[in-house]
């Protein structure tokens, strides 16, 4: 075999190996991707129970209910079109409150309740998680602010 042919075979084997490695990495990452959904997405799409997803929206006024065990909290979030009940066991962020934008990560149960493993709240007066802001904009309930927190 000539030197030129050996070099060509080496390049071909390297490309095949690189392609196989890329396919393996993408397959492994597919299982770890966490998608964001609004309450409307959850209501309209047939999302599989048990798969890890993120949901976000505003905490519905007067929906927060602390359970008897002292660490489990049930509440609802909304994107102004649909609401989604959430159950969370753990310590909520200090900034968690009614009317607040939140993002929760967990699984949708078969009964339609979202079992959250993690709850994230916004960190200042004007911040809104981008996913929540996009969902509110899509539903037509987004209110622009002038940077001081006052609505325009």
N, C-alpha and C. Protein backbone atom coordinates (compact mmCIF):
# COMPACT_ATOMS: atom_id res chain seq x y z
N UNK A 1 0.84 -1.17 0.00
CA UNK A 1 0.00 0.00 0.00
C UNK A 1 0.89 1.24 0.00
N UNK A 2 0.55 2.15 -0.86
CA UNK A 2 1.36 3.36 -0.98
C UNK A 2 1.10 4.28 0.20
N UNK A 3 2.03 5.17 0.42
CA UNK A 3 1.94 6.12 1.51
C UNK A 3 0.69 6.98 1.40
N UNK A 4 0.34 7.37 0.20
CA UNK A 4 -0.84 8.20 -0.04
C UNK A 4 -2.10 7.45 0.37
N UNK A 5 -2.20 6.16 0.06
CA UNK A 5 -3.37 5.36 0.42
C UNK A 5 -3.47 5.17 1.93
N UNK A 6 -2.32 4.97 2.58
CA UNK A 6 -2.33 4.82 4.05
C UNK A 6 -2.84 6.09 4.72
N UNK A 7 -2.40 7.23 4.23
CA UNK A 7 -2.83 8.51 4.78
C UNK A 7 -4.34 8.69 4.57
N UNK A 8 -4.84 8.33 3.40
CA UNK A 8 -6.27 8.43 3.11
C UNK A 8 -7.08 7.50 4.02
N UNK A 9 -6.60 6.28 4.23
CA UNK A 9 -7.29 5.35 5.13
C UNK A 9 -7.30 5.88 6.57
N UNK A 10 -6.19 6.46 7.01
CA UNK A 10 -6.12 7.04 8.35
C UNK A 10 -7.15 8.16 8.51
N UNK A 11 -7.25 9.03 7.54
CA UNK A 11 -8.21 10.14 7.58
C UNK A 11 -9.64 9.61 7.60
N UNK A 12 -9.93 8.60 6.79
CA UNK A 12 -11.28 8.02 6.77
C UNK A 12 -11.63 7.38 8.11
N UNK A 13 -10.68 6.61 8.69
CA UNK A 13 -10.93 6.00 10.00
C UNK A 13 -11.13 7.07 11.08
N UNK A 14 -10.35 8.14 10.99
CA UNK A 14 -10.48 9.23 11.96
C UNK A 14 -11.86 9.89 11.85
N UNK A 15 -12.34 10.11 10.63
CA UNK A 15 -13.65 10.71 10.43
C UNK A 15 -14.77 9.80 10.93
N UNK A 16 -14.66 8.51 10.66
CA UNK A 16 -15.66 7.55 11.14
C UNK A 16 -15.66 7.53 12.67
N UNK A 17 -14.49 7.52 13.28
CA UNK A 17 -14.37 7.53 14.75
C UNK A 17 -14.96 8.80 15.34
N UNK A 18 -14.67 9.93 14.72
CA UNK A 18 -15.21 11.20 15.18
C UNK A 18 -16.73 11.23 15.06
N UNK A 19 -17.24 10.71 13.97
CA UNK A 19 -18.69 10.64 13.79
C UNK A 19 -19.36 9.75 14.83
N UNK A 20 -18.75 8.60 15.12
CA UNK A 20 -19.30 7.70 16.13
C UNK A 20 -19.26 8.33 17.51
N UNK A 21 -18.18 9.01 17.85
CA UNK A 21 -18.07 9.68 19.15
C UNK A 21 -19.11 10.78 19.27
N UNK A 22 -19.32 11.54 18.23
CA UNK A 22 -20.33 12.60 18.23
C UNK A 22 -21.72 12.02 18.43
N UNK A 23 -22.02 10.93 17.74
CA UNK A 23 -23.34 10.29 17.89
C UNK A 23 -23.54 9.80 19.32
N UNK A 24 -22.52 9.21 19.93
CA UNK A 24 -22.63 8.74 21.31
C UNK A 24 -22.85 9.89 22.29
N UNK A 25 -22.13 10.97 22.11
CA UNK A 25 -22.28 12.13 23.00
C UNK A 25 -23.68 12.73 22.87
N UNK A 26 -24.16 12.90 21.66
CA UNK A 26 -25.50 13.46 21.46
C UNK A 26 -26.58 12.56 22.03
N UNK A 27 -26.43 11.27 21.92
CA UNK A 27 -27.39 10.33 22.50
C UNK A 27 -27.40 10.42 24.01
N UNK A 28 -26.22 10.53 24.62
CA UNK A 28 -26.12 10.64 26.07
C UNK A 28 -26.71 11.96 26.56
N UNK A 29 -26.48 13.04 25.84
CA UNK A 29 -26.99 14.35 26.25
C UNK A 29 -28.50 14.45 26.09
N UNK A 30 -29.07 13.71 25.16
CA UNK A 30 -30.51 13.78 24.91
C UNK A 30 -31.30 13.43 26.17
N UNK A 31 -30.80 12.52 26.96
CA UNK A 31 -31.49 12.11 28.17
C UNK A 31 -31.39 13.16 29.27
N UNK A 32 -30.40 14.05 29.21
CA UNK A 32 -30.19 15.04 30.25
C UNK A 32 -30.71 16.42 29.91
N UNK A 33 -31.28 16.61 28.76
CA UNK A 33 -31.81 17.90 28.37
C UNK A 33 -33.11 18.15 29.13
N UNK A 34 -33.23 19.35 29.72
CA UNK A 34 -34.42 19.72 30.46
C UNK A 34 -35.11 20.85 29.71
N UNK A 35 -36.33 20.62 29.24
CA UNK A 35 -37.05 21.61 28.48
C UNK A 35 -37.91 22.47 29.39
N UNK A 36 -38.13 23.74 28.98
CA UNK A 36 -38.98 24.67 29.72
C UNK A 36 -40.37 24.68 29.09
N UNK A 37 -41.39 24.69 29.96
CA UNK A 37 -42.77 24.76 29.49
C UNK A 37 -43.55 25.74 30.35
N UNK A 38 -44.49 26.43 29.74
CA UNK A 38 -45.41 27.29 30.48
C UNK A 38 -46.63 26.45 30.87
N UNK A 39 -47.48 26.94 31.78
CA UNK A 39 -48.70 26.20 32.11
C UNK A 39 -49.58 25.92 30.88
N UNK A 40 -49.59 26.83 29.92
CA UNK A 40 -50.35 26.60 28.69
C UNK A 40 -49.78 25.43 27.90
N UNK A 41 -48.44 25.36 27.80
CA UNK A 41 -47.80 24.23 27.12
C UNK A 41 -48.16 22.92 27.79
N UNK A 42 -48.15 22.90 29.12
CA UNK A 42 -48.47 21.68 29.86
C UNK A 42 -49.92 21.28 29.61
N UNK A 43 -50.83 22.27 29.55
CA UNK A 43 -52.25 21.97 29.34
C UNK A 43 -52.53 21.50 27.91
N UNK A 44 -51.83 22.08 26.94
CA UNK A 44 -52.13 21.80 25.54
C UNK A 44 -51.33 20.63 24.95
N UNK A 45 -50.14 20.39 25.46
CA UNK A 45 -49.30 19.32 24.93
C UNK A 45 -49.48 18.07 25.78
N UNK A 46 -49.25 16.94 25.16
CA UNK A 46 -49.34 15.67 25.88
C UNK A 46 -47.94 15.32 26.38
N UNK A 47 -47.55 15.95 27.51
CA UNK A 47 -46.22 15.72 28.06
C UNK A 47 -46.20 14.41 28.84
N UNK A 48 -45.17 13.62 28.68
CA UNK A 48 -45.11 12.33 29.38
C UNK A 48 -44.89 12.53 30.88
N UNK A 49 -45.60 11.77 31.68
CA UNK A 49 -45.42 11.82 33.13
C UNK A 49 -44.07 11.20 33.47
N UNK A 50 -43.41 11.75 34.46
CA UNK A 50 -42.15 11.19 34.90
C UNK A 50 -40.91 11.74 34.25
N UNK A 51 -41.03 12.56 33.21
CA UNK A 51 -39.85 13.13 32.56
C UNK A 51 -39.53 14.48 33.20
N UNK A 52 -38.26 14.75 33.45
CA UNK A 52 -37.85 16.00 34.07
C UNK A 52 -38.03 17.16 33.11
N UNK A 53 -38.77 18.17 33.55
CA UNK A 53 -38.98 19.40 32.78
C UNK A 53 -38.92 20.58 33.72
N UNK A 54 -38.90 21.76 33.16
CA UNK A 54 -39.01 23.01 33.92
C UNK A 54 -40.30 23.69 33.52
N UNK A 55 -40.99 24.23 34.52
CA UNK A 55 -42.18 25.02 34.27
C UNK A 55 -41.98 26.37 34.93
N UNK A 56 -42.63 27.37 34.39
CA UNK A 56 -42.49 28.71 34.96
C UNK A 56 -43.73 29.52 34.78
N UNK A 57 -43.91 30.47 35.66
CA UNK A 57 -45.04 31.37 35.60
C UNK A 57 -45.10 32.19 36.87
N UNK A 58 -46.21 32.85 37.06
CA UNK A 58 -46.43 33.67 38.24
C UNK A 58 -47.19 32.87 39.28
N UNK A 59 -46.80 33.00 40.55
CA UNK A 59 -47.49 32.30 41.63
C UNK A 59 -48.86 32.95 41.80
N UNK A 60 -49.91 32.13 41.74
CA UNK A 60 -51.29 32.62 41.83
C UNK A 60 -51.56 33.14 43.24
N UNK A 61 -52.25 34.29 43.30
CA UNK A 61 -52.61 34.90 44.58
C UNK A 61 -53.45 33.92 45.40
N UNK A 62 -53.18 33.82 46.68
CA UNK A 62 -53.91 32.99 47.65
C UNK A 62 -53.93 31.51 47.29
N UNK A 63 -52.88 31.03 46.62
CA UNK A 63 -52.84 29.61 46.26
C UNK A 63 -51.83 28.83 47.09
N UNK A 64 -51.05 29.51 47.91
CA UNK A 64 -49.99 28.85 48.67
C UNK A 64 -50.62 28.17 49.90
N UNK A 65 -50.41 26.85 49.98
CA UNK A 65 -50.94 26.07 51.10
C UNK A 65 -49.82 25.22 51.68
N UNK A 66 -49.50 25.48 52.96
CA UNK A 66 -48.48 24.68 53.64
C UNK A 66 -49.14 23.43 54.20
N UNK A 67 -48.49 22.29 53.98
CA UNK A 67 -49.04 21.02 54.43
C UNK A 67 -48.68 20.78 55.91
N UNK A 68 -49.31 19.79 56.50
CA UNK A 68 -49.15 19.50 57.92
C UNK A 68 -47.72 19.13 58.31
N UNK A 69 -46.94 18.56 57.39
CA UNK A 69 -45.57 18.14 57.74
C UNK A 69 -44.61 19.32 57.90
N UNK A 70 -45.02 20.52 57.50
CA UNK A 70 -44.22 21.72 57.69
C UNK A 70 -43.19 22.00 56.61
N UNK A 71 -42.92 21.05 55.73
CA UNK A 71 -41.92 21.28 54.68
C UNK A 71 -42.50 21.14 53.27
N UNK A 72 -43.71 20.65 53.17
CA UNK A 72 -44.35 20.51 51.86
C UNK A 72 -45.29 21.67 51.62
N UNK A 73 -45.17 22.26 50.43
CA UNK A 73 -45.99 23.41 50.06
C UNK A 73 -46.67 23.10 48.73
N UNK A 74 -47.96 23.40 48.66
CA UNK A 74 -48.71 23.29 47.41
C UNK A 74 -49.08 24.70 46.97
N UNK A 75 -48.92 24.98 45.70
CA UNK A 75 -49.28 26.28 45.15
C UNK A 75 -49.57 26.12 43.67
N UNK A 76 -50.02 27.19 43.05
CA UNK A 76 -50.30 27.16 41.62
C UNK A 76 -49.52 28.27 40.93
N UNK A 77 -49.15 28.02 39.67
CA UNK A 77 -48.55 29.06 38.84
C UNK A 77 -49.45 29.28 37.64
N UNK A 78 -49.32 30.46 37.06
CA UNK A 78 -50.13 30.79 35.90
C UNK A 78 -49.32 31.59 34.88
N UNK A 79 -49.75 31.51 33.63
CA UNK A 79 -49.23 32.39 32.58
C UNK A 79 -50.37 33.26 32.08
N UNK A 80 -51.40 33.40 32.91
CA UNK A 80 -52.61 34.19 32.70
C UNK A 80 -53.59 33.52 31.74
N UNK A 81 -53.21 32.40 31.15
CA UNK A 81 -54.13 31.65 30.30
C UNK A 81 -54.52 30.34 30.97
N UNK A 82 -53.56 29.67 31.60
CA UNK A 82 -53.80 28.40 32.30
C UNK A 82 -53.05 28.42 33.63
N UNK A 83 -53.50 27.58 34.56
CA UNK A 83 -52.80 27.42 35.82
C UNK A 83 -52.31 25.99 35.95
N UNK A 84 -51.28 25.80 36.76
CA UNK A 84 -50.70 24.49 36.97
C UNK A 84 -50.45 24.30 38.46
N UNK A 85 -51.04 23.26 39.07
CA UNK A 85 -50.76 23.01 40.49
C UNK A 85 -49.37 22.39 40.66
N UNK A 86 -48.66 22.86 41.71
CA UNK A 86 -47.31 22.39 41.99
C UNK A 86 -47.23 21.98 43.45
N UNK A 87 -46.51 20.90 43.71
CA UNK A 87 -46.21 20.46 45.08
C UNK A 87 -44.70 20.43 45.21
N UNK A 88 -44.20 21.03 46.30
CA UNK A 88 -42.76 21.10 46.52
C UNK A 88 -42.46 20.76 47.97
N UNK A 89 -41.51 19.87 48.20
CA UNK A 89 -41.07 19.53 49.54
C UNK A 89 -39.66 20.06 49.71
N UNK A 90 -39.50 21.00 50.63
CA UNK A 90 -38.20 21.60 50.87
C UNK A 90 -38.35 23.03 51.32
N UNK A 91 -37.25 23.72 51.37
CA UNK A 91 -37.25 25.12 51.79
C UNK A 91 -37.36 25.99 50.55
N UNK A 92 -38.37 26.85 50.52
CA UNK A 92 -38.57 27.74 49.38
C UNK A 92 -37.59 28.90 49.44
N UNK A 93 -37.25 29.50 48.30
CA UNK A 93 -36.36 30.66 48.30
C UNK A 93 -36.99 31.82 49.10
N UNK A 94 -36.16 32.68 49.66
CA UNK A 94 -36.65 33.80 50.44
C UNK A 94 -37.56 34.73 49.63
N UNK A 95 -37.31 34.85 48.34
CA UNK A 95 -38.09 35.77 47.51
C UNK A 95 -39.36 35.14 46.94
N UNK A 96 -39.66 33.91 47.33
CA UNK A 96 -40.87 33.25 46.86
C UNK A 96 -42.08 33.88 47.53
N UNK A 97 -43.06 34.32 46.73
CA UNK A 97 -44.31 34.89 47.26
C UNK A 97 -45.34 34.95 46.14
N UNK A 98 -46.58 35.27 46.51
CA UNK A 98 -47.67 35.38 45.54
C UNK A 98 -47.36 36.49 44.54
N UNK A 99 -47.72 36.25 43.28
CA UNK A 99 -47.50 37.23 42.23
C UNK A 99 -46.07 37.26 41.72
N UNK A 100 -45.21 36.42 42.25
CA UNK A 100 -43.80 36.37 41.91
C UNK A 100 -43.56 35.42 40.74
N UNK A 101 -42.64 35.76 39.87
CA UNK A 101 -42.24 34.86 38.79
C UNK A 101 -41.31 33.79 39.32
N UNK A 102 -41.59 32.54 39.01
CA UNK A 102 -40.75 31.43 39.45
C UNK A 102 -40.52 30.45 38.32
N UNK A 103 -39.49 29.64 38.48
CA UNK A 103 -39.22 28.52 37.60
C UNK A 103 -39.04 27.30 38.51
N UNK A 104 -39.75 26.22 38.22
CA UNK A 104 -39.65 24.99 39.02
C UNK A 104 -39.19 23.86 38.12
N UNK A 105 -38.30 23.03 38.65
CA UNK A 105 -37.83 21.86 37.91
C UNK A 105 -38.30 20.61 38.64
N UNK A 106 -38.85 19.68 37.89
CA UNK A 106 -39.33 18.44 38.48
C UNK A 106 -40.04 17.60 37.43
N UNK A 107 -41.06 16.85 37.88
CA UNK A 107 -41.77 15.93 36.99
C UNK A 107 -43.27 16.16 37.07
N UNK A 108 -43.92 15.99 35.95
CA UNK A 108 -45.38 16.05 35.90
C UNK A 108 -45.90 14.67 36.28
N UNK A 109 -46.75 14.64 37.32
CA UNK A 109 -47.31 13.36 37.75
C UNK A 109 -48.50 12.99 36.87
N UNK A 110 -48.93 11.75 36.96
CA UNK A 110 -50.05 11.25 36.15
C UNK A 110 -51.36 11.98 36.49
N UNK A 111 -51.49 12.50 37.73
CA UNK A 111 -52.71 13.20 38.13
C UNK A 111 -52.72 14.67 37.70
N UNK A 112 -51.69 15.13 36.96
CA UNK A 112 -51.66 16.49 36.45
C UNK A 112 -51.00 17.49 37.39
N UNK A 113 -50.53 17.04 38.54
CA UNK A 113 -49.83 17.90 39.49
C UNK A 113 -48.34 17.82 39.20
N UNK A 114 -47.67 18.97 39.24
CA UNK A 114 -46.24 19.03 38.99
C UNK A 114 -45.51 18.85 40.32
N UNK A 115 -44.68 17.82 40.43
CA UNK A 115 -43.90 17.56 41.63
C UNK A 115 -42.52 18.19 41.44
N UNK A 116 -42.29 19.33 42.10
CA UNK A 116 -41.05 20.08 41.92
C UNK A 116 -39.95 19.55 42.82
N UNK A 117 -38.74 19.47 42.28
CA UNK A 117 -37.56 19.13 43.07
C UNK A 117 -36.78 20.37 43.43
N UNK A 118 -36.96 21.44 42.61
CA UNK A 118 -36.25 22.69 42.82
C UNK A 118 -37.15 23.84 42.41
N UNK A 119 -37.15 24.91 43.20
CA UNK A 119 -37.93 26.11 42.89
C UNK A 119 -36.99 27.30 42.91
N UNK A 120 -36.99 28.07 41.83
CA UNK A 120 -36.14 29.26 41.71
C UNK A 120 -37.03 30.49 41.62
N UNK A 121 -36.70 31.54 42.37
CA UNK A 121 -37.47 32.79 42.34
C UNK A 121 -36.58 33.89 41.78
N UNK A 122 -37.19 34.94 41.28
CA UNK A 122 -36.41 36.04 40.74
C UNK A 122 -35.60 36.70 41.85
N UNK A 123 -34.51 37.37 41.48
CA UNK A 123 -33.60 37.87 42.50
C UNK A 123 -33.67 39.36 42.76
N UNK A 124 -34.44 40.13 42.02
CA UNK A 124 -34.61 41.53 42.36
C UNK A 124 -35.97 42.02 41.90
N UNK A 125 -36.20 43.31 42.03
CA UNK A 125 -37.52 43.88 41.76
C UNK A 125 -37.94 43.79 40.30
N UNK A 126 -37.00 43.88 39.37
CA UNK A 126 -37.38 43.97 37.96
C UNK A 126 -37.07 42.72 37.16
N UNK A 127 -36.33 41.78 37.72
CA UNK A 127 -35.93 40.60 36.96
C UNK A 127 -37.08 39.62 36.81
N UNK A 128 -37.18 39.04 35.64
CA UNK A 128 -38.14 37.97 35.36
C UNK A 128 -37.37 36.93 34.57
N UNK A 129 -37.45 35.64 34.97
CA UNK A 129 -36.75 34.61 34.19
C UNK A 129 -37.15 34.73 32.71
N UNK A 130 -36.19 34.65 31.79
CA UNK A 130 -36.49 34.84 30.37
C UNK A 130 -37.59 33.92 29.86
N UNK A 131 -37.60 32.68 30.33
CA UNK A 131 -38.61 31.74 29.87
C UNK A 131 -40.01 32.18 30.30
N UNK A 132 -40.10 32.68 31.55
CA UNK A 132 -41.40 33.14 32.07
C UNK A 132 -41.84 34.38 31.31
N UNK A 133 -40.91 35.31 31.08
CA UNK A 133 -41.24 36.53 30.34
C UNK A 133 -41.72 36.19 28.93
N UNK A 134 -41.05 35.24 28.26
CA UNK A 134 -41.47 34.85 26.91
C UNK A 134 -42.87 34.23 26.92
N UNK A 135 -43.15 33.39 27.94
CA UNK A 135 -44.47 32.77 28.03
C UNK A 135 -45.55 33.82 28.27
N UNK A 136 -45.26 34.82 29.11
CA UNK A 136 -46.23 35.88 29.37
C UNK A 136 -46.43 36.75 28.13
N UNK A 137 -45.36 36.99 27.39
CA UNK A 137 -45.48 37.78 26.16
C UNK A 137 -46.34 37.03 25.14
N UNK A 138 -46.14 35.70 25.02
CA UNK A 138 -46.93 34.91 24.08
C UNK A 138 -48.41 34.92 24.45
N UNK A 139 -48.70 34.95 25.76
CA UNK A 139 -50.11 34.93 26.18
C UNK A 139 -50.74 36.31 26.17
N UNK A 140 -49.92 37.38 25.92
CA UNK A 140 -50.46 38.74 25.85
C UNK A 140 -50.61 39.41 27.20
N UNK A 141 -49.99 38.89 28.26
CA UNK A 141 -50.14 39.46 29.59
C UNK A 141 -48.84 40.08 30.12
N UNK A 142 -47.92 40.37 29.24
CA UNK A 142 -46.65 40.97 29.64
C UNK A 142 -46.83 42.47 29.78
N UNK A 143 -46.30 43.02 30.87
CA UNK A 143 -46.35 44.47 31.09
C UNK A 143 -44.93 44.99 31.16
N UNK A 144 -44.60 45.92 30.26
CA UNK A 144 -43.26 46.49 30.22
C UNK A 144 -43.07 47.41 31.42
N UNK A 145 -41.82 47.49 31.91
CA UNK A 145 -41.50 48.42 32.98
C UNK A 145 -40.44 49.37 32.48
N UNK A 146 -40.29 50.49 33.20
CA UNK A 146 -39.34 51.51 32.78
C UNK A 146 -37.95 51.34 33.42
N UNK A 147 -37.72 50.20 34.08
CA UNK A 147 -36.44 49.94 34.72
C UNK A 147 -36.48 50.21 36.21
N UNK A 148 -37.45 50.98 36.67
CA UNK A 148 -37.58 51.24 38.11
C UNK A 148 -38.63 50.34 38.73
N UNK A 149 -39.25 49.50 37.93
CA UNK A 149 -40.30 48.62 38.42
C UNK A 149 -41.69 49.17 38.16
N UNK A 150 -41.77 50.42 37.70
CA UNK A 150 -43.06 51.02 37.41
C UNK A 150 -43.50 50.63 36.01
N UNK A 151 -44.77 50.30 35.87
CA UNK A 151 -45.29 49.91 34.55
C UNK A 151 -45.43 51.13 33.67
N UNK A 152 -45.21 50.92 32.39
CA UNK A 152 -45.36 52.01 31.43
C UNK A 152 -46.73 51.99 30.81
